[in-house]
Amino acid sequence: ERIMDVLREPVLLDGLPIDVGGSVGV
């Protein structure tokens, strides 16, 4: 869950915010 929290903030590339989501299997 902490990993998913880290990825919730968008990544800013060339001024364009890109949402990063994903699925985690444990």
mmCIF file of all heavy atoms, coordinates in Angstrom:
data_MODEL
# 
_entry.id   MODEL 
# 
loop_
_atom_site.group_PDB 
_atom_site.id 
_atom_site.type_symbol 
_atom_site.label_atom_id 
_atom_site.label_alt_id 
_atom_site.label_comp_id 
_atom_site.label_asym_id 
_atom_site.label_entity_id 
_atom_site.label_seq_id 
_atom_site.pdbx_PDB_ins_code 
_atom_site.Cartn_x 
_atom_site.Cartn_y 
_atom_site.Cartn_z 
_atom_site.occupancy 
_atom_site.B_iso_or_equiv 
_atom_site.pdbx_formal_charge 
_atom_site.auth_seq_id 
_atom_site.auth_comp_id 
_atom_site.auth_asym_id 
_atom_site.auth_atom_id 
_atom_site.pdbx_PDB_model_num 
ATOM 1   N N   . GLU A 1 1  ? 0.832  -1.210  0.000   1.00 0.00 ? 1  GLU A N   1 
ATOM 2   C CA  . GLU A 1 1  ? 0.000  0.000   0.000   1.00 0.00 ? 1  GLU A CA  1 
ATOM 3   C C   . GLU A 1 1  ? 0.863  1.257   0.000   1.00 0.00 ? 1  GLU A C   1 
ATOM 4   O O   . GLU A 1 1  ? 0.527  2.259   -0.649  1.00 0.00 ? 1  GLU A O   1 
ATOM 5   C CB  . GLU A 1 1  ? -0.926 -0.022  1.218   1.00 0.00 ? 1  GLU A CB  1 
ATOM 6   C CG  . GLU A 1 1  ? -2.027 -1.072  1.113   1.00 0.00 ? 1  GLU A CG  1 
ATOM 7   C CD  . GLU A 1 1  ? -2.815 -1.219  2.394   1.00 0.00 ? 1  GLU A CD  1 
ATOM 8   O OE1 . GLU A 1 1  ? -2.347 -0.694  3.439   1.00 0.00 ? 1  GLU A OE1 1 
ATOM 9   O OE2 . GLU A 1 1  ? -3.886 -1.862  2.364   1.00 0.00 ? 1  GLU A OE2 1 
ATOM 10  N N   . ARG A 1 2  ? 1.993  1.206   0.697   1.00 0.00 ? 2  ARG A N   1 
ATOM 11  C CA  . ARG A 1 2  ? 2.895  2.371   0.703   1.00 0.00 ? 2  ARG A CA  1 
ATOM 12  C C   . ARG A 1 2  ? 3.506  2.582   -0.685  1.00 0.00 ? 2  ARG A C   1 
ATOM 13  O O   . ARG A 1 2  ? 3.754  3.724   -1.090  1.00 0.00 ? 2  ARG A O   1 
ATOM 14  C CB  . ARG A 1 2  ? 3.979  2.186   1.762   1.00 0.00 ? 2  ARG A CB  1 
ATOM 15  C CG  . ARG A 1 2  ? 3.459  2.376   3.183   1.00 0.00 ? 2  ARG A CG  1 
ATOM 16  C CD  . ARG A 1 2  ? 4.600  2.622   4.166   1.00 0.00 ? 2  ARG A CD  1 
ATOM 17  N NE  . ARG A 1 2  ? 5.372  1.410   4.417   1.00 0.00 ? 2  ARG A NE  1 
ATOM 18  C CZ  . ARG A 1 2  ? 5.066  0.520   5.351   1.00 0.00 ? 2  ARG A CZ  1 
ATOM 19  N NH1 . ARG A 1 2  ? 3.982  0.689   6.103   1.00 0.00 ? 2  ARG A NH1 1 
ATOM 20  N NH2 . ARG A 1 2  ? 5.822  -0.539  5.545   1.00 0.00 ? 2  ARG A NH2 1 
ATOM 21  N N   . ILE A 1 3  ? 3.747  1.500   -1.389  1.00 0.00 ? 3  ILE A N   1 
ATOM 22  C CA  . ILE A 1 3  ? 4.258  1.624   -2.761  1.00 0.00 ? 3  ILE A CA  1 
ATOM 23  C C   . ILE A 1 3  ? 3.228  2.330   -3.643  1.00 0.00 ? 3  ILE A C   1 
ATOM 24  O O   . ILE A 1 3  ? 3.555  3.218   -4.436  1.00 0.00 ? 3  ILE A O   1 
ATOM 25  C CB  . ILE A 1 3  ? 4.614  0.238   -3.329  1.00 0.00 ? 3  ILE A CB  1 
ATOM 26  C CG1 . ILE A 1 3  ? 5.909  -0.263  -2.701  1.00 0.00 ? 3  ILE A CG1 1 
ATOM 27  C CG2 . ILE A 1 3  ? 4.747  0.287   -4.853  1.00 0.00 ? 3  ILE A CG2 1 
ATOM 28  C CD1 . ILE A 1 3  ? 6.304  -1.645  -3.147  1.00 0.00 ? 3  ILE A CD1 1 
ATOM 29  N N   . MET A 1 4  ? 1.959  1.951   -3.510  1.00 0.00 ? 4  MET A N   1 
ATOM 30  C CA  . MET A 1 4  ? 0.922  2.588   -4.314  1.00 0.00 ? 4  MET A CA  1 
ATOM 31  C C   . MET A 1 4  ? 0.788  4.073   -3.955  1.00 0.00 ? 4  MET A C   1 
ATOM 32  O O   . MET A 1 4  ? 0.518  4.905   -4.832  1.00 0.00 ? 4  MET A O   1 
ATOM 33  C CB  . MET A 1 4  ? -0.409 1.869   -4.107  1.00 0.00 ? 4  MET A CB  1 
ATOM 34  C CG  . MET A 1 4  ? -0.402 0.399   -4.536  1.00 0.00 ? 4  MET A CG  1 
ATOM 35  S SD  . MET A 1 4  ? 0.289  0.146   -6.201  1.00 0.00 ? 4  MET A SD  1 
ATOM 36  C CE  . MET A 1 4  ? -0.838 1.129   -7.196  1.00 0.00 ? 4  MET A CE  1 
ATOM 37  N N   . ASP A 1 5  ? 0.987  4.397   -2.682  1.00 0.00 ? 5  ASP A N   1 
ATOM 38  C CA  . ASP A 1 5  ? 0.947  5.809   -2.278  1.00 0.00 ? 5  ASP A CA  1 
ATOM 39  C C   . ASP A 1 5  ? 2.037  6.612   -2.981  1.00 0.00 ? 5  ASP A C   1 
ATOM 40  O O   . ASP A 1 5  ? 1.824  7.763   -3.383  1.00 0.00 ? 5  ASP A O   1 
ATOM 41  C CB  . ASP A 1 5  ? 1.114  5.927   -0.760  1.00 0.00 ? 5  ASP A CB  1 
ATOM 42  C CG  . ASP A 1 5  ? -0.115 5.428   0.000   1.00 0.00 ? 5  ASP A CG  1 
ATOM 43  O OD1 . ASP A 1 5  ? -1.201 5.367   -0.607  1.00 0.00 ? 5  ASP A OD1 1 
ATOM 44  O OD2 . ASP A 1 5  ? 0.028  5.081   1.184   1.00 0.00 ? 5  ASP A OD2 1 
ATOM 45  N N   . VAL A 1 6  ? 3.213  6.003   -3.112  1.00 0.00 ? 6  VAL A N   1 
ATOM 46  C CA  . VAL A 1 6  ? 4.340  6.678   -3.768  1.00 0.00 ? 6  VAL A CA  1 
ATOM 47  C C   . VAL A 1 6  ? 4.014  6.993   -5.225  1.00 0.00 ? 6  VAL A C   1 
ATOM 48  O O   . VAL A 1 6  ? 4.467  8.011   -5.779  1.00 0.00 ? 6  VAL A O   1 
ATOM 49  C CB  . VAL A 1 6  ? 5.602  5.784   -3.680  1.00 0.00 ? 6  VAL A CB  1 
ATOM 50  C CG1 . VAL A 1 6  ? 6.690  6.284   -4.613  1.00 0.00 ? 6  VAL A CG1 1 
ATOM 51  C CG2 . VAL A 1 6  ? 6.125  5.750   -2.251  1.00 0.00 ? 6  VAL A CG2 1 
ATOM 52  N N   . LEU A 1 7  ? 3.214  6.151   -5.862  1.00 0.00 ? 7  LEU A N   1 
ATOM 53  C CA  . LEU A 1 7  ? 2.938  6.311   -7.289  1.00 0.00 ? 7  LEU A CA  1 
ATOM 54  C C   . LEU A 1 7  ? 1.711  7.169   -7.575  1.00 0.00 ? 7  LEU A C   1 
ATOM 55  O O   . LEU A 1 7  ? 1.393  7.420   -8.738  1.00 0.00 ? 7  LEU A O   1 
ATOM 56  C CB  . LEU A 1 7  ? 2.743  4.926   -7.936  1.00 0.00 ? 7  LEU A CB  1 
ATOM 57  C CG  . LEU A 1 7  ? 3.956  3.993   -7.903  1.00 0.00 ? 7  LEU A CG  1 
ATOM 58  C CD1 . LEU A 1 7  ? 3.614  2.671   -8.566  1.00 0.00 ? 7  LEU A CD1 1 
ATOM 59  C CD2 . LEU A 1 7  ? 5.152  4.637   -8.590  1.00 0.00 ? 7  LEU A CD2 1 
ATOM 60  N N   . ARG A 1 8  ? 1.002  7.583   -6.533  1.00 0.00 ? 8  ARG A N   1 
ATOM 61  C CA  . ARG A 1 8  ? -0.236 8.345   -6.769  1.00 0.00 ? 8  ARG A CA  1 
ATOM 62  C C   . ARG A 1 8  ? 0.030  9.759   -7.268  1.00 0.00 ? 8  ARG A C   1 
ATOM 63  O O   . ARG A 1 8  ? -0.795 10.342  -7.967  1.00 0.00 ? 8  ARG A O   1 
ATOM 64  C CB  . ARG A 1 8  ? -1.078 8.376   -5.485  1.00 0.00 ? 8  ARG A CB  1 
ATOM 65  C CG  . ARG A 1 8  ? -1.765 7.047   -5.218  1.00 0.00 ? 8  ARG A CG  1 
ATOM 66  C CD  . ARG A 1 8  ? -2.877 7.155   -4.192  1.00 0.00 ? 8  ARG A CD  1 
ATOM 67  N NE  . ARG A 1 8  ? -3.571 5.877   -4.093  1.00 0.00 ? 8  ARG A NE  1 
ATOM 68  C CZ  . ARG A 1 8  ? -3.289 4.932   -3.203  1.00 0.00 ? 8  ARG A CZ  1 
ATOM 69  N NH1 . ARG A 1 8  ? -2.319 5.137   -2.324  1.00 0.00 ? 8  ARG A NH1 1 
ATOM 70  N NH2 . ARG A 1 8  ? -3.973 3.804   -3.183  1.00 0.00 ? 8  ARG A NH2 1 
ATOM 71  N N   . GLU A 1 9  ? 1.173  10.326  -6.906  1.00 0.00 ? 9  GLU A N   1 
ATOM 72  C CA  . GLU A 1 9  ? 1.491  11.689  -7.375  1.00 0.00 ? 9  GLU A CA  1 
ATOM 73  C C   . GLU A 1 9  ? 1.902  11.644  -8.837  1.00 0.00 ? 9  GLU A C   1 
ATOM 74  O O   . GLU A 1 9  ? 2.742  10.833  -9.236  1.00 0.00 ? 9  GLU A O   1 
ATOM 75  C CB  . GLU A 1 9  ? 2.614  12.278  -6.529  1.00 0.00 ? 9  GLU A CB  1 
ATOM 76  C CG  . GLU A 1 9  ? 2.936  13.719  -6.897  1.00 0.00 ? 9  GLU A CG  1 
ATOM 77  C CD  . GLU A 1 9  ? 4.066  14.274  -6.045  1.00 0.00 ? 9  GLU A CD  1 
ATOM 78  O OE1 . GLU A 1 9  ? 4.407  13.641  -5.025  1.00 0.00 ? 9  GLU A OE1 1 
ATOM 79  O OE2 . GLU A 1 9  ? 4.614  15.319  -6.417  1.00 0.00 ? 9  GLU A OE2 1 
ATOM 80  N N   . PRO A 1 10 ? 1.315  12.487  -9.702  1.00 0.00 ? 10 PRO A N   1 
ATOM 81  C CA  . PRO A 1 10 ? 1.653  12.462  -11.139 1.00 0.00 ? 10 PRO A CA  1 
ATOM 82  C C   . PRO A 1 10 ? 3.144  12.743  -11.372 1.00 0.00 ? 10 PRO A C   1 
ATOM 83  O O   . PRO A 1 10 ? 3.803  13.423  -10.589 1.00 0.00 ? 10 PRO A O   1 
ATOM 84  C CB  . PRO A 1 10 ? 0.786  13.578  -11.727 1.00 0.00 ? 10 PRO A CB  1 
ATOM 85  C CG  . PRO A 1 10 ? -0.302 13.787  -10.733 1.00 0.00 ? 10 PRO A CG  1 
ATOM 86  C CD  . PRO A 1 10 ? 0.299  13.492  -9.391  1.00 0.00 ? 10 PRO A CD  1 
ATOM 87  N N   . VAL A 1 11 ? 3.637  12.221  -12.477 1.00 0.00 ? 11 VAL A N   1 
ATOM 88  C CA  . VAL A 1 11 ? 5.014  12.472  -12.902 1.00 0.00 ? 11 VAL A CA  1 
ATOM 89  C C   . VAL A 1 11 ? 4.986  13.616  -13.909 1.00 0.00 ? 11 VAL A C   1 
ATOM 90  O O   . VAL A 1 11 ? 4.248  13.564  -14.902 1.00 0.00 ? 11 VAL A O   1 
ATOM 91  C CB  . VAL A 1 11 ? 5.632  11.208  -13.536 1.00 0.00 ? 11 VAL A CB  1 
ATOM 92  C CG1 . VAL A 1 11 ? 7.019  11.527  -14.101 1.00 0.00 ? 11 VAL A CG1 1 
ATOM 93  C CG2 . VAL A 1 11 ? 5.714  10.089  -12.513 1.00 0.00 ? 11 VAL A CG2 1 
ATOM 94  N N   . LEU A 1 12 ? 5.778  14.645  -13.664 1.00 0.00 ? 12 LEU A N   1 
ATOM 95  C CA  . LEU A 1 12 ? 5.801  15.819  -14.538 1.00 0.00 ? 12 LEU A CA  1 
ATOM 96  C C   . LEU A 1 12 ? 6.917  15.646  -15.567 1.00 0.00 ? 12 LEU A C   1 
ATOM 97  O O   . LEU A 1 12 ? 8.100  15.640  -15.231 1.00 0.00 ? 12 LEU A O   1 
ATOM 98  C CB  . LEU A 1 12 ? 6.031  17.078  -13.704 1.00 0.00 ? 12 LEU A CB  1 
ATOM 99  C CG  . LEU A 1 12 ? 5.722  18.412  -14.402 1.00 0.00 ? 12 LEU A CG  1 
ATOM 100 C CD1 . LEU A 1 12 ? 4.238  18.512  -14.737 1.00 0.00 ? 12 LEU A CD1 1 
ATOM 101 C CD2 . LEU A 1 12 ? 6.145  19.581  -13.506 1.00 0.00 ? 12 LEU A CD2 1 
ATOM 102 N N   . LEU A 1 13 ? 6.554  15.508  -16.845 1.00 0.00 ? 13 LEU A N   1 
ATOM 103 C CA  . LEU A 1 13 ? 7.516  15.351  -17.931 1.00 0.00 ? 13 LEU A CA  1 
ATOM 104 C C   . LEU A 1 13 ? 7.238  16.407  -18.988 1.00 0.00 ? 13 LEU A C   1 
ATOM 105 O O   . LEU A 1 13 ? 6.139  16.441  -19.583 1.00 0.00 ? 13 LEU A O   1 
ATOM 106 C CB  . LEU A 1 13 ? 7.417  13.950  -18.554 1.00 0.00 ? 13 LEU A CB  1 
ATOM 107 C CG  . LEU A 1 13 ? 7.788  12.773  -17.645 1.00 0.00 ? 13 LEU A CG  1 
ATOM 108 C CD1 . LEU A 1 13 ? 7.549  11.451  -18.368 1.00 0.00 ? 13 LEU A CD1 1 
ATOM 109 C CD2 . LEU A 1 13 ? 9.239  12.868  -17.206 1.00 0.00 ? 13 LEU A CD2 1 
ATOM 110 N N   . ASP A 1 14 ? 8.230  17.293  -19.215 1.00 0.00 ? 14 ASP A N   1 
ATOM 111 C CA  . ASP A 1 14 ? 8.089  18.384  -20.191 1.00 0.00 ? 14 ASP A CA  1 
ATOM 112 C C   . ASP A 1 14 ? 6.846  19.222  -19.898 1.00 0.00 ? 14 ASP A C   1 
ATOM 113 O O   . ASP A 1 14 ? 6.113  19.636  -20.812 1.00 0.00 ? 14 ASP A O   1 
ATOM 114 C CB  . ASP A 1 14 ? 8.028  17.824  -21.617 1.00 0.00 ? 14 ASP A CB  1 
ATOM 115 C CG  . ASP A 1 14 ? 9.303  17.104  -22.003 1.00 0.00 ? 14 ASP A CG  1 
ATOM 116 O OD1 . ASP A 1 14 ? 10.363 17.445  -21.457 1.00 0.00 ? 14 ASP A OD1 1 
ATOM 117 O OD2 . ASP A 1 14 ? 9.234  16.185  -22.843 1.00 0.00 ? 14 ASP A OD2 1 
ATOM 118 N N   . GLY A 1 15 ? 6.575  19.453  -18.611 1.00 0.00 ? 15 GLY A N   1 
ATOM 119 C CA  . GLY A 1 15 ? 5.433  20.261  -18.220 1.00 0.00 ? 15 GLY A CA  1 
ATOM 120 C C   . GLY A 1 15 ? 4.107  19.542  -18.247 1.00 0.00 ? 15 GLY A C   1 
ATOM 121 O O   . GLY A 1 15 ? 3.072  20.117  -17.908 1.00 0.00 ? 15 GLY A O   1 
ATOM 122 N N   . LEU A 1 16 ? 4.097  18.285  -18.670 1.00 0.00 ? 16 LEU A N   1 
ATOM 123 C CA  . LEU A 1 16 ? 2.858  17.519  -18.768 1.00 0.00 ? 16 LEU A CA  1 
ATOM 124 C C   . LEU A 1 16 ? 2.757  16.543  -17.610 1.00 0.00 ? 16 LEU A C   1 
ATOM 125 O O   . LEU A 1 16 ? 3.617  15.666  -17.459 1.00 0.00 ? 16 LEU A O   1 
ATOM 126 C CB  . LEU A 1 16 ? 2.826  16.752  -20.099 1.00 0.00 ? 16 LEU A CB  1 
ATOM 127 C CG  . LEU A 1 16 ? 1.592  15.883  -20.343 1.00 0.00 ? 16 LEU A CG  1 
ATOM 128 C CD1 . LEU A 1 16 ? 0.357  16.765  -20.506 1.00 0.00 ? 16 LEU A CD1 1 
ATOM 129 C CD2 . LEU A 1 16 ? 1.798  15.016  -21.588 1.00 0.00 ? 16 LEU A CD2 1 
ATOM 130 N N   . PRO A 1 17 ? 1.731  16.689  -16.748 1.00 0.00 ? 17 PRO A N   1 
ATOM 131 C CA  . PRO A 1 17 ? 1.582  15.736  -15.633 1.00 0.00 ? 17 PRO A CA  1 
ATOM 132 C C   . PRO A 1 17 ? 1.019  14.408  -16.145 1.00 0.00 ? 17 PRO A C   1 
ATOM 133 O O   . PRO A 1 17 ? -0.027 14.373  -16.797 1.00 0.00 ? 17 PRO A O   1 
ATOM 134 C CB  . PRO A 1 17 ? 0.603  16.443  -14.700 1.00 0.00 ? 17 PRO A CB  1 
ATOM 135 C CG  . PRO A 1 17 ? -0.194 17.352  -15.580 1.00 0.00 ? 17 PRO A CG  1 
ATOM 136 C CD  . PRO A 1 17 ? 0.704  17.745  -16.716 1.00 0.00 ? 17 PRO A CD  1 
ATOM 137 N N   . ILE A 1 18 ? 1.726  13.334  -15.827 1.00 0.00 ? 18 ILE A N   1 
ATOM 138 C CA  . ILE A 1 18 ? 1.292  12.001  -16.256 1.00 0.00 ? 18 ILE A CA  1 
ATOM 139 C C   . ILE A 1 18 ? 0.943  11.195  -15.016 1.00 0.00 ? 18 ILE A C   1 
ATOM 140 O O   . ILE A 1 18 ? 1.783  11.006  -14.130 1.00 0.00 ? 18 ILE A O   1 
ATOM 141 C CB  . ILE A 1 18 ? 2.402  11.292  -17.063 1.00 0.00 ? 18 ILE A CB  1 
ATOM 142 C CG1 . ILE A 1 18 ? 2.732  12.096  -18.316 1.00 0.00 ? 18 ILE A CG1 1 
ATOM 143 C CG2 . ILE A 1 18 ? 1.982  9.870   -17.437 1.00 0.00 ? 18 ILE A CG2 1 
ATOM 144 C CD1 . ILE A 1 18 ? 3.890  11.527  -19.113 1.00 0.00 ? 18 ILE A CD1 1 
ATOM 145 N N   . ASP A 1 19 ? -0.300 10.755  -14.964 1.00 0.00 ? 19 ASP A N   1 
ATOM 146 C CA  . ASP A 1 19 ? -0.732 9.945   -13.828 1.00 0.00 ? 19 ASP A CA  1 
ATOM 147 C C   . ASP A 1 19 ? -0.123 8.554   -13.917 1.00 0.00 ? 19 ASP A C   1 
ATOM 148 O O   . ASP A 1 19 ? -0.151 7.909   -14.970 1.00 0.00 ? 19 ASP A O   1 
ATOM 149 C CB  . ASP A 1 19 ? -2.255 9.830   -13.801 1.00 0.00 ? 19 ASP A CB  1 
ATOM 150 C CG  . ASP A 1 19 ? -2.915 11.142  -13.399 1.00 0.00 ? 19 ASP A CG  1 
ATOM 151 O OD1 . ASP A 1 19 ? -2.383 11.801  -12.496 1.00 0.00 ? 19 ASP A OD1 1 
ATOM 152 O OD2 . ASP A 1 19 ? -3.944 11.510  -14.005 1.00 0.00 ? 19 ASP A OD2 1 
ATOM 153 N N   . VAL A 1 20 ? 0.443  8.121   -12.814 1.00 0.00 ? 20 VAL A N   1 
ATOM 154 C CA  . VAL A 1 20 ? 1.066  6.797   -12.748 1.00 0.00 ? 20 VAL A CA  1 
ATOM 155 C C   . VAL A 1 20 ? 0.257  5.945   -11.775 1.00 0.00 ? 20 VAL A C   1 
ATOM 156 O O   . VAL A 1 20 ? 0.221  6.222   -10.586 1.00 0.00 ? 20 VAL A O   1 
ATOM 157 C CB  . VAL A 1 20 ? 2.534  6.880   -12.258 1.00 0.00 ? 20 VAL A CB  1 
ATOM 158 C CG1 . VAL A 1 20 ? 3.146  5.488   -12.249 1.00 0.00 ? 20 VAL A CG1 1 
ATOM 159 C CG2 . VAL A 1 20 ? 3.328  7.814   -13.142 1.00 0.00 ? 20 VAL A CG2 1 
ATOM 160 N N   . GLY A 1 21 ? -0.386 4.960   -12.314 1.00 0.00 ? 21 GLY A N   1 
ATOM 161 C CA  . GLY A 1 21 ? -1.087 4.001   -11.472 1.00 0.00 ? 21 GLY A CA  1 
ATOM 162 C C   . GLY A 1 21 ? -0.545 2.623   -11.753 1.00 0.00 ? 21 GLY A C   1 
ATOM 163 O O   . GLY A 1 21 ? 0.345  2.435   -12.578 1.00 0.00 ? 21 GLY A O   1 
ATOM 164 N N   . GLY A 1 22 ? -1.084 1.647   -11.068 1.00 0.00 ? 22 GLY A N   1 
ATOM 165 C CA  . GLY A 1 22 ? -0.609 0.299   -11.315 1.00 0.00 ? 22 GLY A CA  1 
ATOM 166 C C   . GLY A 1 22 ? -1.329 -0.702  -10.448 1.00 0.00 ? 22 GLY A C   1 
ATOM 167 O O   . GLY A 1 22 ? -2.211 -0.355  -9.650  1.00 0.00 ? 22 GLY A O   1 
ATOM 168 N N   . SER A 1 23 ? -0.969 -1.948  -10.647 1.00 0.00 ? 23 SER A N   1 
ATOM 169 C CA  . SER A 1 23 ? -1.514 -3.042  -9.856  1.00 0.00 ? 23 SER A CA  1 
ATOM 170 C C   . SER A 1 23 ? -0.365 -3.799  -9.222  1.00 0.00 ? 23 SER A C   1 
ATOM 171 O O   . SER A 1 23 ? 0.658  -4.040  -9.880  1.00 0.00 ? 23 SER A O   1 
ATOM 172 C CB  . SER A 1 23 ? -2.345 -3.976  -10.731 1.00 0.00 ? 23 SER A CB  1 
ATOM 173 O OG  . SER A 1 23 ? -3.414 -3.282  -11.339 1.00 0.00 ? 23 SER A OG  1 
ATOM 174 N N   . VAL A 1 24 ? -0.537 -4.164  -7.952  1.00 0.00 ? 24 VAL A N   1 
ATOM 175 C CA  . VAL A 1 24 ? 0.507  -4.869  -7.215  1.00 0.00 ? 24 VAL A CA  1 
ATOM 176 C C   . VAL A 1 24 ? -0.017 -6.232  -6.783  1.00 0.00 ? 24 VAL A C   1 
ATOM 177 O O   . VAL A 1 24 ? -1.106 -6.334  -6.213  1.00 0.00 ? 24 VAL A O   1 
ATOM 178 C CB  . VAL A 1 24 ? 0.963  -4.074  -5.975  1.00 0.00 ? 24 VAL A CB  1 
ATOM 179 C CG1 . VAL A 1 24 ? 1.996  -4.867  -5.179  1.00 0.00 ? 24 VAL A CG1 1 
ATOM 180 C CG2 . VAL A 1 24 ? 1.548  -2.736  -6.391  1.00 0.00 ? 24 VAL A CG2 1 
ATOM 181 N N   . GLY A 1 25 ? 0.785  -7.255  -7.061  1.00 0.00 ? 25 GLY A N   1 
ATOM 182 C CA  . GLY A 1 25 ? 0.498  -8.591  -6.558  1.00 0.00 ? 25 GLY A CA  1 
ATOM 183 C C   . GLY A 1 25 ? 1.514  -8.949  -5.485  1.00 0.00 ? 25 GLY A C   1 
ATOM 184 O O   . GLY A 1 25 ? 2.708  -8.672  -5.633  1.00 0.00 ? 25 GLY A O   1 
ATOM 185 N N   . VAL A 1 26 ? 1.058  -9.555  -4.402  1.00 0.00 ? 26 VAL A N   1 
ATOM 186 C CA  . VAL A 1 26 ? 1.904  -9.847  -3.250  1.00 0.00 ? 26 VAL A CA  1 
ATOM 187 C C   . VAL A 1 26 ? 1.967  -11.350 -3.025  1.00 0.00 ? 26 VAL A C   1 
ATOM 188 O O   . VAL A 1 26 ? 0.932  -12.021 -2.955  1.00 0.00 ? 26 VAL A O   1 
ATOM 189 C CB  . VAL A 1 26 ? 1.370  -9.153  -1.978  1.00 0.00 ? 26 VAL A CB  1 
ATOM 190 C CG1 . VAL A 1 26 ? 2.283  -9.447  -0.785  1.00 0.00 ? 26 VAL A CG1 1 
ATOM 191 C CG2 . VAL A 1 26 ? 1.217  -7.655  -2.199  1.00 0.00 ? 26 VAL A CG2 1 
# 
